[in-house]
PDB file of N, CA and C in Angstrom:
ATOM      1  N   MET A   1      -1.146  73.792-264.528  1.00  0.00           N
ATOM      2  CA  MET A   1      -1.600  73.391-263.616  1.00  0.00           C
ATOM      3  C   MET A   1      -1.493  72.114-262.995  1.00  0.00           C
ATOM      4  N   SER A   2      -1.244  71.938-261.795  1.00  0.00           N
ATOM      5  CA  SER A   2      -0.988  70.448-261.453  1.00  0.00           C
ATOM      6  C   SER A   2      -2.119  69.614-260.917  1.00  0.00           C
ATOM      7  N   GLU A   3      -2.021  68.244-261.410  1.00  0.00           N
ATOM      8  CA  GLU A   3      -3.141  67.280-261.291  1.00  0.00           C
ATOM      9  C   GLU A   3      -3.805  67.484-259.819  1.00  0.00           C
ATOM     10  N   GLY A   4      -2.824  67.519-258.639  1.00  0.00           N
ATOM     11  CA  GLY A   4      -3.257  67.514-257.440  1.00  0.00           C
ATOM     12  C   GLY A   4      -3.548  66.213-256.921  1.00  0.00           C
ATOM     13  N   GLU A   5      -4.284  65.785-255.729  1.00  0.00           N
ATOM     14  CA  GLU A   5      -4.420  64.594-255.348  1.00  0.00           C
ATOM     15  C   GLU A   5      -5.796  64.531-255.066  1.00  0.00           C
ATOM     16  N   HIS A   6      -6.278  63.197-255.182  1.00  0.00           N
ATOM     17  CA  HIS A   6      -7.646  62.873-254.813  1.00  0.00           C
ATOM     18  C   HIS A   6      -7.890  62.826-253.155  1.00  0.00           C
ATOM     19  N   ARG A   7      -8.910  63.191-252.880  1.00  0.00           N
ATOM     20  CA  ARG A   7      -9.182  63.064-251.514  1.00  0.00           C
ATOM     21  C   ARG A   7     -10.702  62.763-251.262  1.00  0.00           C
ATOM     22  N   LYS A   8     -11.203  62.039-250.383  1.00  0.00           N
ATOM     23  CA  LYS A   8     -12.644  61.920-249.930  1.00  0.00           C
ATOM     24  C   LYS A   8     -13.060  62.782-248.905  1.00  0.00           C
ATOM     25  N   VAL A   9     -14.362  63.182-249.231  1.00  0.00           N
ATOM     26  CA  VAL A   9     -14.925  64.279-248.173  1.00  0.00           C
ATOM     27  C   VAL A   9     -15.519  63.408-247.310  1.00  0.00           C
ATOM     28  N   GLY A  10     -15.261  63.365-245.764  1.00  0.00           N
ATOM     29  CA  GLY A  10     -15.906  62.719-245.032  1.00  0.00           C
ATOM     30  C   GLY A  10     -17.318  62.905-244.527  1.00  0.00           C
ATOM     31  N   LYS A  11     -17.879  62.320-243.886  1.00  0.00           N
ATOM     32  CA  LYS A  11     -19.524  62.510-243.656  1.00  0.00           C
ATOM     33  C   LYS A  11     -19.730  63.870-242.925  1.00  0.00           C
ATOM     34  N   ARG A  12     -18.919  64.491-242.465  1.00  0.00           N
ATOM     35  CA  ARG A  12     -19.040  65.913-241.686  1.00  0.00           C
ATOM     36  C   ARG A  12     -18.366  66.862-242.631  1.00  0.00           C
ATOM     37  N   GLY A  13     -18.021  66.568-243.927  1.00  0.00           N
ATOM     38  CA  GLY A  13     -17.547  67.668-244.802  1.00  0.00           C
ATOM     39  C   GLY A  13     -16.167  67.712-244.678  1.00  0.00           C
ATOM     40  N   GLN A  14     -15.386  66.865-244.002  1.00  0.00           N
ATOM     41  CA  GLN A  14     -14.055  67.143-243.608  1.00  0.00           C
ATOM     42  C   GLN A  14     -13.126  66.665-244.977  1.00  0.00           C
ATOM     43  N   VAL A  15     -11.952  67.418-245.256  1.00  0.00           N
ATOM     44  CA  VAL A  15     -11.038  66.880-246.067  1.00  0.00           C
ATOM     45  C   VAL A  15      -9.867  67.280-245.477  1.00  0.00           C
ATOM     46  N   THR A  16      -8.724  66.334-245.880  1.00  0.00           N
ATOM     47  CA  THR A  16      -7.375  66.389-245.208  1.00  0.00           C
ATOM     48  C   THR A  16      -6.600  67.009-246.267  1.00  0.00           C
ATOM     49  N   ILE A  17      -5.886  68.034-246.038  1.00  0.00           N
ATOM     50  CA  ILE A  17      -4.984  68.836-246.844  1.00  0.00           C
ATOM     51  C   ILE A  17      -3.695  68.077-246.668  1.00  0.00           C
ATOM     52  N   PRO A  18      -3.136  67.517-248.047  1.00  0.00           N
ATOM     53  CA  PRO A  18      -2.018  66.741-248.096  1.00  0.00           C
ATOM     54  C   PRO A  18      -0.784  67.513-247.264  1.00  0.00           C
ATOM     55  N   LYS A  19       0.127  66.659-246.766  1.00  0.00           N
ATOM     56  CA  LYS A  19       1.106  66.981-245.691  1.00  0.00           C
ATOM     57  C   LYS A  19       1.910  67.854-246.736  1.00  0.00           C
ATOM     58  N   GLU A  20       2.493  67.525-247.643  1.00  0.00           N
ATOM     59  CA  GLU A  20       3.534  68.172-248.706  1.00  0.00           C
ATOM     60  C   GLU A  20       2.893  69.502-248.640  1.00  0.00           C
ATOM     61  N   LEU A  21       1.603  69.927-249.013  1.00  0.00           N
ATOM     62  CA  LEU A  21       1.107  71.209-249.061  1.00  0.00           C
ATOM     63  C   LEU A  21       0.784  71.897-247.716  1.00  0.00           C
ATOM     64  N   ARG A  22       0.671  71.331-246.699  1.00  0.00           N
ATOM     65  CA  ARG A  22       0.824  71.845-245.463  1.00  0.00           C
ATOM     66  C   ARG A  22       1.898  72.443-245.210  1.00  0.00           C
ATOM     67  N   GLU A  23       3.148  71.447-245.477  1.00  0.00           N
ATOM     68  CA  GLU A  23       4.338  71.866-245.130  1.00  0.00           C
ATOM     69  C   GLU A  23       4.913  73.142-245.955  1.00  0.00           C
ATOM     70  N   ARG A  24       4.463  73.220-247.104  1.00  0.00           N
ATOM     71  CA  ARG A  24       5.050  73.813-248.050  1.00  0.00           C
ATOM     72  C   ARG A  24       4.246  75.556-247.856  1.00  0.00           C
ATOM     73  N   PHE A  25       3.058  75.451-247.351  1.00  0.00           N
ATOM     74  CA  PHE A  25       2.397  76.687-246.817  1.00  0.00           C
ATOM     75  C   PHE A  25       2.501  77.102-245.520  1.00  0.00           C
ATOM     76  N   GLY A  26       3.033  76.231-244.540  1.00  0.00           N
ATOM     77  CA  GLY A  26       3.257  76.493-243.296  1.00  0.00           C
ATOM     78  C   GLY A  26       1.872  76.455-242.534  1.00  0.00           C
ATOM     79  N   ILE A  27       1.064  75.329-242.978  1.00  0.00           N
ATOM     80  CA  ILE A  27      -0.358  75.485-242.253  1.00  0.00           C
ATOM     81  C   ILE A  27       0.083  74.043-241.444  1.00  0.00           C
ATOM     82  N   GLU A  28      -0.467  74.513-239.924  1.00  0.00           N
ATOM     83  CA  GLU A  28      -0.199  73.215-239.048  1.00  0.00           C
ATOM     84  C   GLU A  28      -1.704  73.215-238.255  1.00  0.00           C
ATOM     85  N   GLY A  29      -1.964  72.125-237.596  1.00  0.00           N
ATOM     86  CA  GLY A  29      -3.003  71.762-236.921  1.00  0.00           C
ATOM     87  C   GLY A  29      -3.611  72.929-236.139  1.00  0.00           C
ATOM     88  N   GLY A  30      -4.895  73.243-236.148  1.00  0.00           N
ATOM     89  CA  GLY A  30      -5.248  74.640-235.275  1.00  0.00           C
ATOM     90  C   GLY A  30      -5.426  75.833-235.890  1.00  0.00           C
ATOM     91  N   ASP A  31      -4.517  75.992-237.092  1.00  0.00           N
ATOM     92  CA  ASP A  31      -4.479  77.246-237.807  1.00  0.00           C
ATOM     93  C   ASP A  31      -5.817  77.319-238.654  1.00  0.00           C
ATOM     94  N   ASP A  32      -5.930  78.716-238.895  1.00  0.00           N
ATOM     95  CA  ASP A  32      -7.214  78.986-239.601  1.00  0.00           C
ATOM     96  C   ASP A  32      -7.248  79.008-241.270  1.00  0.00           C
ATOM     97  N   VAL A  33      -8.001  78.758-241.900  1.00  0.00           N
ATOM     98  CA  VAL A  33      -7.827  78.874-243.365  1.00  0.00           C
ATOM     99  C   VAL A  33      -9.177  79.454-244.031  1.00  0.00           C
ATOM    100  N   LEU A  34      -9.048  80.028-244.763  1.00  0.00           N
ATOM    101  CA  LEU A  34     -10.387  80.916-245.481  1.00  0.00           C
ATOM    102  C   LEU A  34     -10.581  79.997-246.755  1.00  0.00           C
ATOM    103  N   ILE A  35     -11.971  79.452-246.928  1.00  0.00           N
ATOM    104  CA  ILE A  35     -12.345  78.891-248.070  1.00  0.00           C
ATOM    105  C   ILE A  35     -13.557  79.644-248.643  1.00  0.00           C
ATOM    106  N   HIS A  36     -13.424  79.725-249.926  1.00  0.00           N
ATOM    107  CA  HIS A  36     -14.562  80.546-250.690  1.00  0.00           C
ATOM    108  C   HIS A  36     -14.504  80.211-252.159  1.00  0.00           C
ATOM    109  N   GLU A  37     -15.548  80.692-252.950  1.00  0.00           N
ATOM    110  CA  GLU A  37     -15.572  80.515-254.232  1.00  0.00           C
ATOM    111  C   GLU A  37     -14.950  81.173-255.070  1.00  0.00           C
ATOM    112  N   GLU A  38     -14.519  81.120-256.137  1.00  0.00           N
ATOM    113  CA  GLU A  38     -13.834  81.978-256.919  1.00  0.00           C
ATOM    114  C   GLU A  38     -13.933  81.440-258.390  1.00  0.00           C
ATOM    115  N   ALA A  39     -14.473  82.182-259.327  1.00  0.00           N
ATOM    116  CA  ALA A  39     -14.553  81.682-260.720  1.00  0.00           C
ATOM    117  C   ALA A  39     -15.180  80.081-260.687  1.00  0.00           C
ATOM    118  N   GLY A  40     -16.073  79.841-259.857  1.00  0.00           N
ATOM    119  CA  GLY A  40     -16.751  78.501-259.986  1.00  0.00           C
ATOM    120  C   GLY A  40     -15.913  77.573-259.384  1.00  0.00           C
ATOM    121  N   LYS A  41     -14.531  78.072-258.500  1.00  0.00           N
ATOM    122  CA  LYS A  41     -13.776  76.844-257.935  1.00  0.00           C
ATOM    123  C   LYS A  41     -13.833  77.181-256.566  1.00  0.00           C
ATOM    124  N   LEU A  42     -13.525  76.041-255.674  1.00  0.00           N
ATOM    125  CA  LEU A  42     -13.286  76.030-254.418  1.00  0.00           C
ATOM    126  C   LEU A  42     -12.018  76.601-254.062  1.00  0.00           C
ATOM    127  N   VAL A  43     -11.822  77.510-253.511  1.00  0.00           N
ATOM    128  CA  VAL A  43     -10.326  77.960-252.928  1.00  0.00           C
ATOM    129  C   VAL A  43     -10.135  77.995-251.533  1.00  0.00           C
ATOM    130  N   ILE A  44      -8.888  77.458-251.184  1.00  0.00           N
ATOM    131  CA  ILE A  44      -8.600  77.187-249.582  1.00  0.00           C
ATOM    132  C   ILE A  44      -7.362  78.059-249.552  1.00  0.00           C
ATOM    133  N   GLU A  45      -7.326  79.120-248.839  1.00  0.00           N
ATOM    134  CA  GLU A  45      -6.157  80.006-248.664  1.00  0.00           C
ATOM    135  C   GLU A  45      -5.801  80.650-247.272  1.00  0.00           C
ATOM    136  N   GLN A  46      -4.742  80.799-246.762  1.00  0.00           N
ATOM    137  CA  GLN A  46      -4.338  81.286-245.628  1.00  0.00           C
ATOM    138  C   GLN A  46      -4.872  82.887-245.322  1.00  0.00           C
ATOM    139  N   PRO A  47      -5.657  83.295-244.511  1.00  0.00           N
ATOM    140  CA  PRO A  47      -5.964  84.309-244.134  1.00  0.00           C
ATOM    141  C   PRO A  47      -4.986  85.543-243.950  1.00  0.00           C
ATOM    142  N   LEU A  48      -5.235  86.668-244.317  1.00  0.00           N
ATOM    143  CA  LEU A  48      -4.236  87.689-244.232  1.00  0.00           C
ATOM    144  C   LEU A  48      -3.956  87.742-242.578  1.00  0.00           C
ATOM    145  N   THR A  49      -2.533  88.112-242.440  1.00  0.00           N
ATOM    146  CA  THR A  49      -2.191  88.355-241.068  1.00  0.00           C
ATOM    147  C   THR A  49      -2.477  89.499-240.672  1.00  0.00           C
ATOM    148  N   ARG A  50      -2.647  90.131-239.352  1.00  0.00           N
ATOM    149  CA  ARG A  50      -2.711  91.745-239.008  1.00  0.00           C
ATOM    150  C   ARG A  50      -1.700  92.198-239.546  1.00  0.00           C
ATOM    151  N   GLU A  51      -0.187  91.706-239.453  1.00  0.00           N
ATOM    152  CA  GLU A  51       0.754  92.578-239.860  1.00  0.00           C
ATOM    153  C   GLU A  51       0.378  92.846-241.616  1.00  0.00           C
ATOM    154  N   GLU A  52      -0.072  91.892-241.990  1.00  0.00           N
ATOM    155  CA  GLU A  52      -0.279  91.912-243.807  1.00  0.00           C
ATOM    156  C   GLU A  52      -1.337  93.261-243.931  1.00  0.00           C
ATOM    157  N   LEU A  53      -2.402  93.076-243.152  1.00  0.00           N
ATOM    158  CA  LEU A  53      -3.539  94.007-243.314  1.00  0.00           C
ATOM    159  C   LEU A  53      -2.967  95.453-242.940  1.00  0.00           C
ATOM    160  N   ALA A  54      -2.205  95.428-242.132  1.00  0.00           N
ATOM    161  CA  ALA A  54      -1.629  96.795-241.457  1.00  0.00           C
ATOM    162  C   ALA A  54      -0.805  97.529-242.520  1.00  0.00           C
ATOM    163  N   GLU A  55       0.046  96.677-243.313  1.00  0.00           N
ATOM    164  CA  GLU A  55       0.729  96.983-244.388  1.00  0.00           C
ATOM    165  C   GLU A  55       0.167  97.414-245.585  1.00  0.00           C
ATOM    166  N   GLY A  56      -1.033  96.754-245.739  1.00  0.00           N
ATOM    167  CA  GLY A  56      -1.797  97.307-246.862  1.00  0.00           C
ATOM    168  C   GLY A  56      -2.606  98.569-246.488  1.00  0.00           C
ATOM    169  N   TYR A  57      -3.058  98.890-245.540  1.00  0.00           N
ATOM    170  CA  TYR A  57      -3.792 100.175-244.946  1.00  0.00           C
ATOM    171  C   TYR A  57      -2.585 101.439-244.907  1.00  0.00           C
ATOM    172  N   ARG A  58      -1.202 101.053-244.496  1.00  0.00           N
ATOM    173  CA  ARG A  58      -0.133 101.907-244.543  1.00  0.00           C
ATOM    174  C   ARG A  58       0.005 102.300-246.051  1.00  0.00           C
ATOM    175  N   LYS A  59      -0.011 101.326-247.067  1.00  0.00           N
ATOM    176  CA  LYS A  59       0.373 101.698-248.356  1.00  0.00           C
ATOM    177  C   LYS A  59      -0.790 102.466-249.043  1.00  0.00           C
ATOM    178  N   ARG A  60      -1.969 102.232-248.664  1.00  0.00           N
ATOM    179  CA  ARG A  60      -3.117 102.689-249.065  1.00  0.00           C
ATOM    180  C   ARG A  60      -3.272 104.349-248.606  1.00  0.00           C
ATOM    181  N   SER A  61      -2.891 104.381-247.365  1.00  0.00           N
ATOM    182  CA  SER A  61      -2.629 105.924-246.694  1.00  0.00           C
ATOM    183  C   SER A  61      -1.899 106.548-247.435  1.00  0.00           C
ATOM    184  N   GLN A  62      -0.668 106.102-247.598  1.00  0.00           N
ATOM    185  CA  GLN A  62       0.460 106.833-248.180  1.00  0.00           C
ATOM    186  C   GLN A  62       0.115 107.351-249.777  1.00  0.00           C
ATOM    187  N   ARG A  63      -0.711 106.412-250.352  1.00  0.00           N
ATOM    188  CA  ARG A  63      -1.040 106.654-251.754  1.00  0.00           C
ATOM    189  C   ARG A  63      -1.978 107.964-251.605  1.00  0.00           C
ATOM    190  N   ILE A  64      -2.842 107.840-250.778  1.00  0.00           N
ATOM    191  CA  ILE A  64      -3.930 108.873-250.609  1.00  0.00           C
ATOM    192  C   ILE A  64      -3.474 110.079-250.207  1.00  0.00           C
ATOM    193  N   ARG A  65      -2.417 110.221-249.430  1.00  0.00           N
ATOM    194  CA  ARG A  65      -1.637 111.348-249.403  1.00  0.00           C
ATOM    195  C   ARG A  65      -0.685 111.979-250.390  1.00  0.00           C
ATOM    196  N   GLU A  66      -0.349 111.048-251.301  1.00  0.00           N
ATOM    197  CA  GLU A  66       0.263 111.543-252.462  1.00  0.00           C
ATOM    198  C   GLU A  66      -0.663 112.244-253.333  1.00  0.00           C
ATOM    199  N   LEU A  67      -1.830 111.507-253.593  1.00  0.00           N
ATOM    200  CA  LEU A  67      -2.769 111.821-254.511  1.00  0.00           C
ATOM    201  C   LEU A  67      -3.344 113.549-253.985  1.00  0.00           C
ATOM    202  N   ALA A  68      -3.595 113.540-252.675  1.00  0.00           N
ATOM    203  CA  ALA A  68      -4.049 114.982-252.081  1.00  0.00           C
ATOM    204  C   ALA A  68      -2.868 116.075-252.348  1.00  0.00           C
ATOM    205  N   ASP A  69      -1.738 115.499-252.355  1.00  0.00           N
ATOM    206  CA  ASP A  69      -0.488 116.762-252.479  1.00  0.00           C
ATOM    207  C   ASP A  69      -0.696 116.843-253.970  1.00  0.00           C
ATOM    208  N   GLU A  70      -1.148 115.934-254.864  1.00  0.00           N
ATOM    209  CA  GLU A  70      -0.887 116.315-256.193  1.00  0.00           C
ATOM    210  C   GLU A  70      -1.935 117.070-256.814  1.00  0.00           C
ATOM    211  N   LEU A  71      -3.101 116.821-256.093  1.00  0.00           N
ATOM    212  CA  LEU A  71      -4.268 117.609-256.273  1.00  0.00           C
ATOM    213  C   LEU A  71      -4.200 118.968-256.062  1.00  0.00           C
ATOM    214  N   ALA A  72      -3.572 119.270-254.674  1.00  0.00           N
ATOM    215  CA  ALA A  72      -3.225 120.661-254.027  1.00  0.00           C
ATOM    216  C   ALA A  72      -2.469 121.261-255.158  1.00  0.00           C
ATOM    217  N   ASP A  73      -1.630 120.771-255.943  1.00  0.00           N
ATOM    218  CA  ASP A  73      -0.791 121.381-256.588  1.00  0.00           C
ATOM    219  C   ASP A  73      -1.267 121.686-257.864  1.00  0.00           C
ATOM    220  N   VAL A  74      -2.209 120.978-258.227  1.00  0.00           N
ATOM    221  CA  VAL A  74      -2.993 121.030-259.625  1.00  0.00           C
ATOM    222  C   VAL A  74      -4.082 122.360-259.290  1.00  0.00           C
ATOM    223  N   SER A  75      -4.810 122.245-258.235  1.00  0.00           N
ATOM    224  CA  SER A  75      -5.537 123.398-257.802  1.00  0.00           C
ATOM    225  C   SER A  75      -4.832 124.685-257.822  1.00  0.00           C
ATOM    226  N   THR A  76      -3.488 124.763-257.013  1.00  0.00           N
ATOM    227  CA  THR A  76      -2.729 126.002-257.016  1.00  0.00           C
ATOM    228  C   THR A  76      -2.348 126.270-258.369  1.00  0.00           C
ATOM    229  N   GLU A  77      -1.987 125.557-259.449  1.00  0.00           N
ATOM    230  CA  GLU A  77      -1.785 125.940-260.754  1.00  0.00           C
ATOM    231  C   GLU A  77      -3.016 126.410-261.306  1.00  0.00           C
ATOM    232  N   ALA A  78      -4.044 125.755-261.322  1.00  0.00           N
ATOM    233  CA  ALA A  78      -5.363 126.310-261.838  1.00  0.00           C
ATOM    234  C   ALA A  78      -5.553 127.660-261.417  1.00  0.00           C
ATOM    235  N   ASN A  79      -5.719 127.980-260.026  1.00  0.00           N
ATOM    236  CA  ASN A  79      -5.945 129.286-259.658  1.00  0.00           C
ATOM    237  C   ASN A  79      -4.821 130.337-260.173  1.00  0.00           C
ATOM    238  N   GLU A  80      -3.616 129.931-260.038  1.00  0.00           N
ATOM    239  CA  GLU A  80      -2.781 131.066-260.780  1.00  0.00           C
ATOM    240  C   GLU A  80      -2.904 131.383-262.410  1.00  0.00           C
ATOM    241  N   GLN A  81      -3.333 130.228-262.939  1.00  0.00           N
ATOM    242  CA  GLN A  81      -3.646 130.517-264.576  1.00  0.00           C
ATOM    243  C   GLN A  81      -5.143 131.144-264.861  1.00  0.00           C
ATOM    244  N   LEU A  82      -6.190 130.593-264.086  1.00  0.00           N
ATOM    245  CA  LEU A  82      -7.332 131.232-264.262  1.00  0.00           C
ATOM    246  C   LEU A  82      -7.923 132.112-263.465  1.00  0.00           C
ATOM    247  N   GLY A  83      -7.123 132.200-262.394  1.00  0.00           N
ATOM    248  CA  GLY A  83      -7.995 133.227-261.444  1.00  0.00           C
ATOM    249  C   GLY A  83      -8.913 132.543-260.424  1.00  0.00           C
ATOM    250  N   ASP A  84      -9.346 133.559-259.527  1.00  0.00           N
ATOM    251  CA  ASP A  84     -10.281 132.808-258.471  1.00  0.00           C
ATOM    252  C   ASP A  84     -11.673 132.670-259.412  1.00  0.00           C
ATOM    253  N   ALA A  85     -12.777 131.725-258.728  1.00  0.00           N
ATOM    254  CA  ALA A  85     -13.605 131.708-259.509  1.00  0.00           C
ATOM    255  C   ALA A  85     -14.542 132.722-259.269  1.00  0.00           C
ATOM    256  N   PRO A  86     -15.449 133.236-260.191  1.00  0.00           N
ATOM    257  CA  PRO A  86     -16.281 134.307-260.158  1.00  0.00           C
ATOM    258  C   PRO A  86     -17.268 134.140-258.948  1.00  0.00           C
ATOM    259  N   GLU A  87     -17.810 135.230-258.617  1.00  0.00           N
ATOM    260  CA  GLU A  87     -18.969 135.385-257.536  1.00  0.00           C
ATOM    261  C   GLU A  87     -20.178 135.226-258.407  1.00  0.00           C
ATOM    262  N   TRP A  88     -21.194 134.069-258.579  1.00  0.00           N
ATOM    263  CA  TRP A  88     -22.531 134.142-258.980  1.00  0.00           C
ATOM    264  C   TRP A  88     -23.513 134.836-258.444  1.00  0.00           C
TER     265      TRP A  88
END
C-alpha cells in the first residue's frame, strides 16, 4: 500500500485529488466521483458508466438463461427417471 499524499481539508470539506492520480484515472474537472465508506475507510472512486452497467446486466441475463436451460434439462431428466408426480 502506498503512503499517498497528505492534503488539508478546506473549511467547506473540499480536498484536491493530486494531479498524478487525476491523470492516471482520467478524472477531469466537472467529473462525478463516488465517495463512500468501506471497511472503515473513505473511498473515492469513479462511478460505473452506463456502458459498464449495461454490460453487467447483459452478463447477468445470459447467466440466468444458462441456469434456466440447465434446470429445464434436469427437470426433463427427473421426469424420465421418476415419471410424473402422483396426484394427491
